Amino acid sequence: MVEFILRVPLALFAVFISWYLPGALWMRKLQLRSAGEHVVLSSVLGFVLWGLQGYMFGYLGLRQLTYLYVLGTFLFSYPHIMEEVQRWKSVVLGIMRADRLLLILCGVGLVGQLLAVLPSGLKYADGIRFYQLNAFDGVMHLSYIQEISKRFPPQEPGAAGLPLINYHYWSNLVLGEMVRIWHLPPTMLYFQLLPLFIGPLIIASIMIIMELWGGGVRAKRWAAFFWFFGGNAVYLFVLFFHRRLDFTTAAIDNGMLQFLNMPAAPAKMIFLASLIPLWRWFRTKRLSLGLLAAVLMSSLTGFKVYFGLFAALGLVFLTIFLFRI
C-alpha cells in the first residue's frame, strides 16, 4: 500500500503530461469561453491522441518517437501552464457552487461505480486480490497491457503467433503506452487510475450537455440519476413482466457496473464528450468544432465498436436532417 501511495504523484504527473497537455494544446486554438468545456475536451482529446500516437508509431516501428511527443508537448505547453491552472481553479469553484442535491447524486453514484473496481489489484496481507469479474476480464486486460508495453504489433498472450486484432483493445493500448513510457504498474492504471479519470469526466460531459441543451438544475439532477441508477432499475421490468427477481443486467447498460466492462467505459466518455463540439458545430458551423467531433467519434471503434456504430448511425441521420433542411 505504501508503494502504491508513493506512485500516485507520478501517475497524476504522467496523466497531466501525456493526456491533458496534448489535448489542451489543441483546444487553446478553439478558444472556448467555458473553462469546463476546455478542461473536459482537453482531457478526452489528449486521451484519444495518446492512443493514436501509440498506434501510429507502433505500426511504423518508431515507438521511441513517443518520448519526443511527450517532450514536445511539454515544451510547447509550458508557457501556458498557468492558464491551465486558472481554468482548473475556475472548474473547482464552479463545482463548489453547484446544486447540493446534484453533488450528492454524483458523489454517491461515483463512489458506487468505483467500489466495484478500486479494491482489485491492490496488495493485501494475503496477496493481491481481484474481485468478481475483475478476476477474469480484468486479468485478461492486464495481460494485453503488458503485451502492448513490450511489443507492437502485439500478440494474443494466450495464443503464440496470433496477432491482437480484436475490435476494442485501444483502452489497453492507451494504458500499455503509459506502462512503457512511465513504468507505472498495470494494475494501478487499470483498476484505479483509469476509473478515477473516466468517471468524473463522464458526469462532467453529461452536465455540460444538459446545459447546452437548455436544461436547468432539475434536468441535471434527472440526468445524473438516470446515468448512475437507471440501468439498475431493469430488475423492476423483469419482476413485472416475468414475475421473478433478477438483478442480472449487462454491464454496458448498468451505470453502477460500467467499470466491469472497461473497453466500454472510455468509449462512453469519448462519445459523450464528442457531443459537446458536435452541438457547438451544429449551432455555429465552425469547421474546427466539426473536425474535433469527427476525430473523437472516429476513435470509438478502437475502444468499443458498438459506440463507433452508434456514432456513425447518428451522423448519418444528422446528415439526412441537415440536407432536408
Protein backbone atom coordinates (compact mmCIF):
# COMPACT_ATOMS: atom_id res chain seq x y z
CA MET A 1 0.00 0.00 0.00
CA VAL A 2 2.89 2.37 0.78
CA GLU A 3 4.39 1.69 -2.64
CA PHE A 4 1.02 2.40 -4.24
CA ILE A 5 0.67 5.73 -2.43
CA LEU A 6 4.20 6.77 -3.44
CA ARG A 7 3.38 6.11 -7.10
CA VAL A 8 0.23 8.28 -7.07
CA PRO A 9 2.07 11.62 -7.66
CA LEU A 10 3.96 10.10 -10.62
CA ALA A 11 0.71 8.74 -12.06
CA LEU A 12 -1.01 12.13 -11.79
CA PHE A 13 2.00 13.86 -13.35
CA ALA A 14 2.03 11.29 -16.18
CA VAL A 15 -1.67 11.85 -16.89
CA PHE A 16 -1.22 15.62 -16.91
CA ILE A 17 1.77 15.49 -19.27
CA SER A 18 0.68 12.63 -21.54
CA TRP A 19 -3.10 13.09 -21.73
CA TYR A 20 -4.14 16.56 -20.64
CA LEU A 21 -1.47 18.84 -22.10
CA PRO A 22 -1.64 17.48 -25.69
CA GLY A 23 -5.39 17.99 -25.70
CA ALA A 24 -5.10 21.45 -24.14
CA LEU A 25 -2.51 22.41 -26.74
CA TRP A 26 -5.10 21.89 -29.48
CA MET A 27 -8.09 23.13 -27.52
CA ARG A 28 -6.48 26.54 -26.97
CA LYS A 29 -6.78 27.10 -30.71
CA LEU A 30 -10.58 26.80 -30.40
CA GLN A 31 -10.67 29.48 -27.67
CA LEU A 32 -13.74 28.14 -25.87
CA ARG A 33 -15.11 30.54 -23.28
CA SER A 34 -16.23 27.80 -20.91
CA ALA A 35 -13.44 26.56 -18.64
CA GLY A 36 -15.42 23.36 -18.01
CA GLU A 37 -15.69 22.55 -21.71
CA HIS A 38 -12.00 23.30 -22.19
CA VAL A 39 -10.92 21.02 -19.34
CA VAL A 40 -13.21 18.13 -20.33
CA LEU A 41 -12.40 18.24 -24.04
CA SER A 42 -8.66 18.70 -23.40
CA SER A 43 -8.65 15.61 -21.19
CA VAL A 44 -10.66 13.45 -23.60
CA LEU A 45 -8.88 14.65 -26.76
CA GLY A 46 -5.49 14.10 -25.12
CA PHE A 47 -6.57 10.59 -24.13
CA VAL A 48 -7.51 9.83 -27.75
CA LEU A 49 -4.32 11.40 -29.14
CA TRP A 50 -2.23 9.27 -26.77
CA GLY A 51 -3.80 6.13 -28.21
CA LEU A 52 -3.43 7.43 -31.77
CA GLN A 53 0.28 8.18 -31.43
CA GLY A 54 0.86 4.76 -29.88
CA TYR A 55 -0.98 3.08 -32.75
CA MET A 56 0.80 5.05 -35.49
CA PHE A 57 4.31 4.95 -34.05
CA GLY A 58 3.83 1.28 -33.19
CA TYR A 59 2.97 0.16 -36.71
CA LEU A 60 5.69 2.41 -38.16
CA GLY A 61 8.25 0.75 -35.91
CA LEU A 62 9.14 4.14 -34.39
CA ARG A 63 7.90 3.74 -30.82
CA GLN A 64 10.78 5.83 -29.43
CA LEU A 65 9.13 8.88 -31.00
CA THR A 66 6.65 8.81 -28.12
CA TYR A 67 9.35 10.36 -25.92
CA LEU A 68 9.64 13.19 -28.46
CA TYR A 69 5.83 13.50 -28.44
CA VAL A 70 5.85 13.95 -24.65
CA LEU A 71 8.81 16.33 -24.61
CA GLY A 72 7.50 18.43 -27.49
CA THR A 73 4.06 18.72 -25.94
CA PHE A 74 5.52 19.85 -22.64
CA LEU A 75 7.79 22.45 -24.23
CA PHE A 76 5.00 23.93 -26.36
CA SER A 77 2.61 23.92 -23.39
CA TYR A 78 4.98 25.26 -20.75
CA PRO A 79 4.29 28.99 -21.41
CA HIS A 80 0.55 28.31 -20.91
CA ILE A 81 0.71 26.18 -17.73
CA MET A 82 -0.64 28.96 -15.50
CA GLU A 83 -3.57 29.49 -17.88
CA GLU A 84 -4.48 25.83 -17.44
CA VAL A 85 -4.16 26.14 -13.66
CA GLN A 86 -6.58 29.09 -13.71
CA ARG A 87 -9.05 27.07 -15.77
CA TRP A 88 -8.88 24.22 -13.27
CA LYS A 89 -9.44 26.68 -10.41
CA SER A 90 -12.49 28.03 -12.21
CA VAL A 91 -13.85 24.50 -12.64
CA VAL A 92 -13.31 23.67 -8.96
CA LEU A 93 -15.07 26.87 -7.88
CA GLY A 94 -17.95 26.03 -10.20
CA ILE A 95 -18.29 22.59 -8.60
CA MET A 96 -18.29 24.13 -5.12
CA ARG A 97 -21.16 26.43 -6.14
CA ALA A 98 -23.20 23.65 -7.78
CA ASP A 99 -26.57 22.40 -6.55
CA ARG A 100 -26.10 20.32 -3.37
CA LEU A 101 -28.53 17.57 -4.31
CA LEU A 102 -26.84 17.24 -7.68
CA LEU A 103 -23.44 16.94 -5.98
CA ILE A 104 -24.82 14.27 -3.62
CA LEU A 105 -26.26 12.26 -6.52
CA CYS A 106 -22.98 12.45 -8.44
CA GLY A 107 -20.89 11.71 -5.36
CA VAL A 108 -22.90 8.66 -4.35
CA GLY A 109 -23.01 7.43 -7.94
CA LEU A 110 -19.26 7.81 -8.49
CA VAL A 111 -18.43 6.08 -5.20
CA GLY A 112 -20.76 3.22 -6.12
CA GLN A 113 -19.11 2.83 -9.53
CA LEU A 114 -15.60 2.91 -8.11
CA LEU A 115 -16.29 0.41 -5.31
CA ALA A 116 -16.74 -2.31 -7.93
CA VAL A 117 -13.22 -1.87 -9.28
CA LEU A 118 -10.87 0.09 -6.98
CA PRO A 119 -10.18 -2.70 -4.43
CA SER A 120 -8.89 -5.07 -7.13
CA GLY A 121 -5.19 -5.31 -7.96
CA LEU A 122 -4.04 -4.00 -4.57
CA LYS A 123 -1.60 -5.91 -2.40
CA TYR A 124 -3.11 -7.14 0.86
CA ALA A 125 -1.64 -9.17 3.71
CA ASP A 126 -2.65 -12.41 1.97
CA GLY A 127 -1.55 -11.30 -1.51
CA ILE A 128 -3.05 -9.43 -4.47
CA ARG A 129 -6.83 -9.71 -4.69
CA PHE A 130 -9.13 -9.49 -7.70
CA TYR A 131 -12.86 -9.24 -7.10
CA GLN A 132 -15.76 -10.59 -9.18
CA LEU A 133 -15.35 -10.13 -12.94
CA ASN A 134 -12.05 -8.35 -12.34
CA ALA A 135 -10.54 -11.78 -11.66
CA PHE A 136 -11.36 -12.85 -15.24
CA ASP A 137 -11.73 -9.99 -17.73
CA GLY A 138 -9.52 -7.73 -15.63
CA VAL A 139 -6.61 -10.18 -15.62
CA MET A 140 -7.05 -10.69 -19.38
CA HIS A 141 -6.80 -6.94 -19.98
CA LEU A 142 -3.74 -6.75 -17.75
CA SER A 143 -2.07 -9.31 -19.98
CA TYR A 144 -2.95 -7.22 -23.04
CA ILE A 145 -1.50 -4.10 -21.41
CA GLN A 146 1.74 -5.91 -20.59
CA GLU A 147 1.98 -7.31 -24.12
CA ILE A 148 1.43 -3.91 -25.75
CA SER A 149 4.01 -2.30 -23.47
CA LYS A 150 6.64 -4.77 -24.65
CA ARG A 151 5.99 -5.11 -28.40
CA PHE A 152 3.96 -3.78 -31.27
CA PRO A 153 2.08 -5.09 -33.17
CA PRO A 154 1.00 -7.05 -30.10
CA GLN A 155 0.16 -10.76 -29.99
CA GLU A 156 -2.55 -12.58 -28.11
CA PRO A 157 -0.88 -13.51 -24.79
CA GLY A 158 -2.62 -16.89 -24.72
CA ALA A 159 -2.01 -17.79 -28.38
CA ALA A 160 1.56 -17.54 -29.66
CA GLY A 161 1.82 -16.08 -33.14
CA LEU A 162 -1.77 -14.83 -33.23
CA PRO A 163 -1.94 -11.02 -33.58
CA LEU A 164 -4.04 -8.99 -31.18
CA ILE A 165 -6.54 -7.51 -33.59
CA ASN A 166 -9.82 -7.56 -31.67
CA TYR A 167 -12.12 -4.59 -32.07
CA HIS A 168 -11.72 -2.96 -28.68
CA TYR A 169 -8.15 -3.07 -27.48
CA TRP A 170 -7.42 0.67 -27.63
CA SER A 171 -8.13 1.10 -23.91
CA ASN A 172 -5.35 -1.44 -23.34
CA LEU A 173 -3.20 0.39 -25.91
CA VAL A 174 -3.53 3.69 -24.03
CA LEU A 175 -2.55 2.06 -20.73
CA GLY A 176 0.17 -0.05 -22.35
CA GLU A 177 1.80 3.12 -23.63
CA MET A 178 1.70 4.57 -20.10
CA VAL A 179 3.42 1.44 -18.77
CA ARG A 180 6.07 1.63 -21.48
CA ILE A 181 6.88 5.33 -21.05
CA TRP A 182 6.28 5.94 -17.34
CA HIS A 183 6.87 2.42 -15.92
CA LEU A 184 3.67 2.51 -13.87
CA PRO A 185 2.12 -0.75 -12.61
CA PRO A 186 -0.60 -2.06 -14.98
CA THR A 187 -2.84 -2.96 -12.02
CA MET A 188 -2.73 0.61 -10.74
CA LEU A 189 -3.52 2.05 -14.17
CA TYR A 190 -6.35 -0.36 -14.94
CA PHE A 191 -8.16 -0.69 -11.62
CA GLN A 192 -7.55 2.72 -10.01
CA LEU A 193 -6.25 5.42 -12.37
CA LEU A 194 -8.45 4.88 -15.43
CA PRO A 195 -11.76 4.69 -13.48
CA LEU A 196 -10.84 7.81 -11.50
CA PHE A 197 -10.06 9.58 -14.79
CA ILE A 198 -13.15 8.43 -16.70
CA GLY A 199 -15.86 8.61 -14.02
CA PRO A 200 -15.74 12.38 -13.31
CA LEU A 201 -15.26 13.24 -17.00
CA ILE A 202 -18.40 11.33 -17.99
CA ILE A 203 -20.60 13.08 -15.47
CA ALA A 204 -18.99 16.45 -16.35
CA SER A 205 -19.78 15.83 -20.03
CA ILE A 206 -23.39 14.99 -19.18
CA MET A 207 -23.78 18.18 -17.12
CA ILE A 208 -22.30 20.30 -19.93
CA ILE A 209 -24.61 18.67 -22.48
CA MET A 210 -27.65 19.34 -20.28
CA GLU A 211 -26.63 22.99 -20.05
CA LEU A 212 -26.04 23.31 -23.80
CA TRP A 213 -29.46 21.80 -24.48
CA GLY A 214 -31.12 24.35 -22.20
CA GLY A 215 -31.71 22.12 -19.19
CA GLY A 216 -31.82 23.58 -15.70
CA VAL A 217 -30.96 22.14 -12.32
CA ARG A 218 -33.83 19.64 -12.42
CA ALA A 219 -32.72 18.32 -15.79
CA LYS A 220 -29.20 17.85 -14.47
CA ARG A 221 -30.48 16.02 -11.40
CA TRP A 222 -32.54 13.63 -13.51
CA ALA A 223 -29.66 13.13 -15.94
CA ALA A 224 -27.33 12.20 -13.06
CA PHE A 225 -29.94 9.91 -11.53
CA PHE A 226 -30.64 8.01 -14.73
CA TRP A 227 -26.95 7.82 -15.64
CA PHE A 228 -25.94 6.18 -12.38
CA PHE A 229 -29.08 4.36 -11.27
CA GLY A 230 -31.34 3.98 -14.32
CA GLY A 231 -29.75 0.75 -15.57
CA ASN A 232 -30.19 -0.85 -12.17
CA ALA A 233 -33.97 -0.45 -12.44
CA VAL A 234 -34.14 -3.17 -15.10
CA TYR A 235 -34.99 -5.70 -12.39
CA LEU A 236 -38.33 -3.90 -11.91
CA PHE A 237 -39.30 -4.65 -15.52
CA VAL A 238 -38.18 -8.27 -15.14
CA LEU A 239 -40.23 -8.54 -11.94
CA PHE A 240 -43.31 -7.01 -13.57
CA PHE A 241 -43.24 -8.97 -16.84
CA HIS A 242 -41.71 -12.28 -15.72
CA ARG A 243 -42.67 -12.42 -12.03
CA ARG A 244 -39.12 -13.13 -10.87
CA LEU A 245 -36.45 -11.12 -9.11
CA ASP A 246 -33.31 -10.97 -11.27
CA PHE A 247 -30.54 -8.40 -10.88
CA THR A 248 -28.55 -9.65 -13.88
CA THR A 249 -28.03 -6.66 -16.16
CA ALA A 250 -25.45 -6.28 -18.91
CA ALA A 251 -22.58 -4.03 -17.80
CA ILE A 252 -22.97 -1.87 -20.89
CA ASP A 253 -26.47 -0.92 -19.66
CA ASN A 254 -25.70 -0.73 -15.93
CA GLY A 255 -24.26 2.60 -14.83
CA MET A 256 -23.08 1.33 -11.47
CA LEU A 257 -21.13 -1.54 -13.03
CA GLN A 258 -19.70 0.27 -16.04
CA PHE A 259 -16.09 -0.37 -14.99
CA LEU A 260 -16.62 -4.12 -15.15
CA ASN A 261 -16.76 -3.61 -18.92
CA MET A 262 -13.63 -1.50 -19.19
CA PRO A 263 -13.46 -1.16 -23.01
CA ALA A 264 -16.94 0.36 -22.92
CA ALA A 265 -16.12 2.91 -20.21
CA PRO A 266 -13.65 5.08 -22.19
CA ALA A 267 -15.90 4.72 -25.25
CA LYS A 268 -18.80 6.17 -23.24
CA MET A 269 -16.57 9.02 -22.09
CA ILE A 270 -15.39 9.84 -25.63
CA PHE A 271 -18.88 9.53 -27.13
CA LEU A 272 -20.49 11.84 -24.58
CA ALA A 273 -17.65 14.37 -24.81
CA SER A 274 -17.90 14.38 -28.61
CA LEU A 275 -21.49 15.60 -28.36
CA ILE A 276 -20.21 18.92 -26.96
CA PRO A 277 -18.27 20.08 -30.05
CA LEU A 278 -20.88 18.44 -32.28
CA TRP A 279 -23.62 20.61 -30.76
CA ARG A 280 -21.40 23.67 -30.90
CA TRP A 281 -20.70 22.98 -34.57
CA PHE A 282 -24.42 22.49 -35.26
CA ARG A 283 -25.13 25.94 -33.85
CA THR A 284 -22.10 27.86 -35.18
CA LYS A 285 -20.92 25.81 -38.21
CA ARG A 286 -17.30 26.34 -37.14
CA LEU A 287 -15.24 23.81 -39.10
CA SER A 288 -12.75 23.31 -36.25
CA LEU A 289 -15.53 22.16 -33.91
CA GLY A 290 -16.87 19.75 -36.51
CA LEU A 291 -13.40 18.30 -37.06
CA LEU A 292 -12.93 17.86 -33.30
CA ALA A 293 -16.20 15.93 -33.04
CA ALA A 294 -15.19 13.80 -36.04
CA VAL A 295 -11.77 12.97 -34.55
CA LEU A 296 -13.30 11.90 -31.25
CA MET A 297 -16.04 9.82 -32.86
CA SER A 298 -13.70 8.18 -35.36
CA SER A 299 -11.65 6.73 -32.49
CA LEU A 300 -14.64 4.98 -30.93
CA THR A 301 -14.33 1.77 -32.97
CA GLY A 302 -10.87 1.19 -31.50
CA PHE A 303 -12.24 1.45 -27.96
CA LYS A 304 -15.62 -0.26 -28.39
CA VAL A 305 -17.09 -0.91 -31.81
CA TYR A 306 -20.70 -0.55 -30.67
CA PHE A 307 -20.19 3.09 -29.80
CA GLY A 308 -18.47 3.68 -33.12
CA LEU A 309 -21.51 2.25 -34.87
CA PHE A 310 -23.87 4.36 -32.75
CA ALA A 311 -21.90 7.49 -33.61
CA ALA A 312 -21.78 6.63 -37.32
CA LEU A 313 -25.52 5.92 -37.41
CA GLY A 314 -26.24 9.17 -35.57
CA LEU A 315 -24.13 11.14 -38.02
CA VAL A 316 -25.97 9.56 -40.94
CA PHE A 317 -29.32 10.70 -39.54
CA LEU A 318 -27.86 14.14 -38.75
CA THR A 319 -26.65 14.47 -42.34
CA ILE A 320 -30.09 13.49 -43.68
CA PHE A 321 -31.66 16.06 -41.35
CA LEU A 322 -29.31 18.83 -42.48
CA PHE A 323 -29.85 18.14 -46.16
CA ARG A 324 -33.60 18.02 -45.59
CA ILE A 325 -33.44 21.49 -44.11
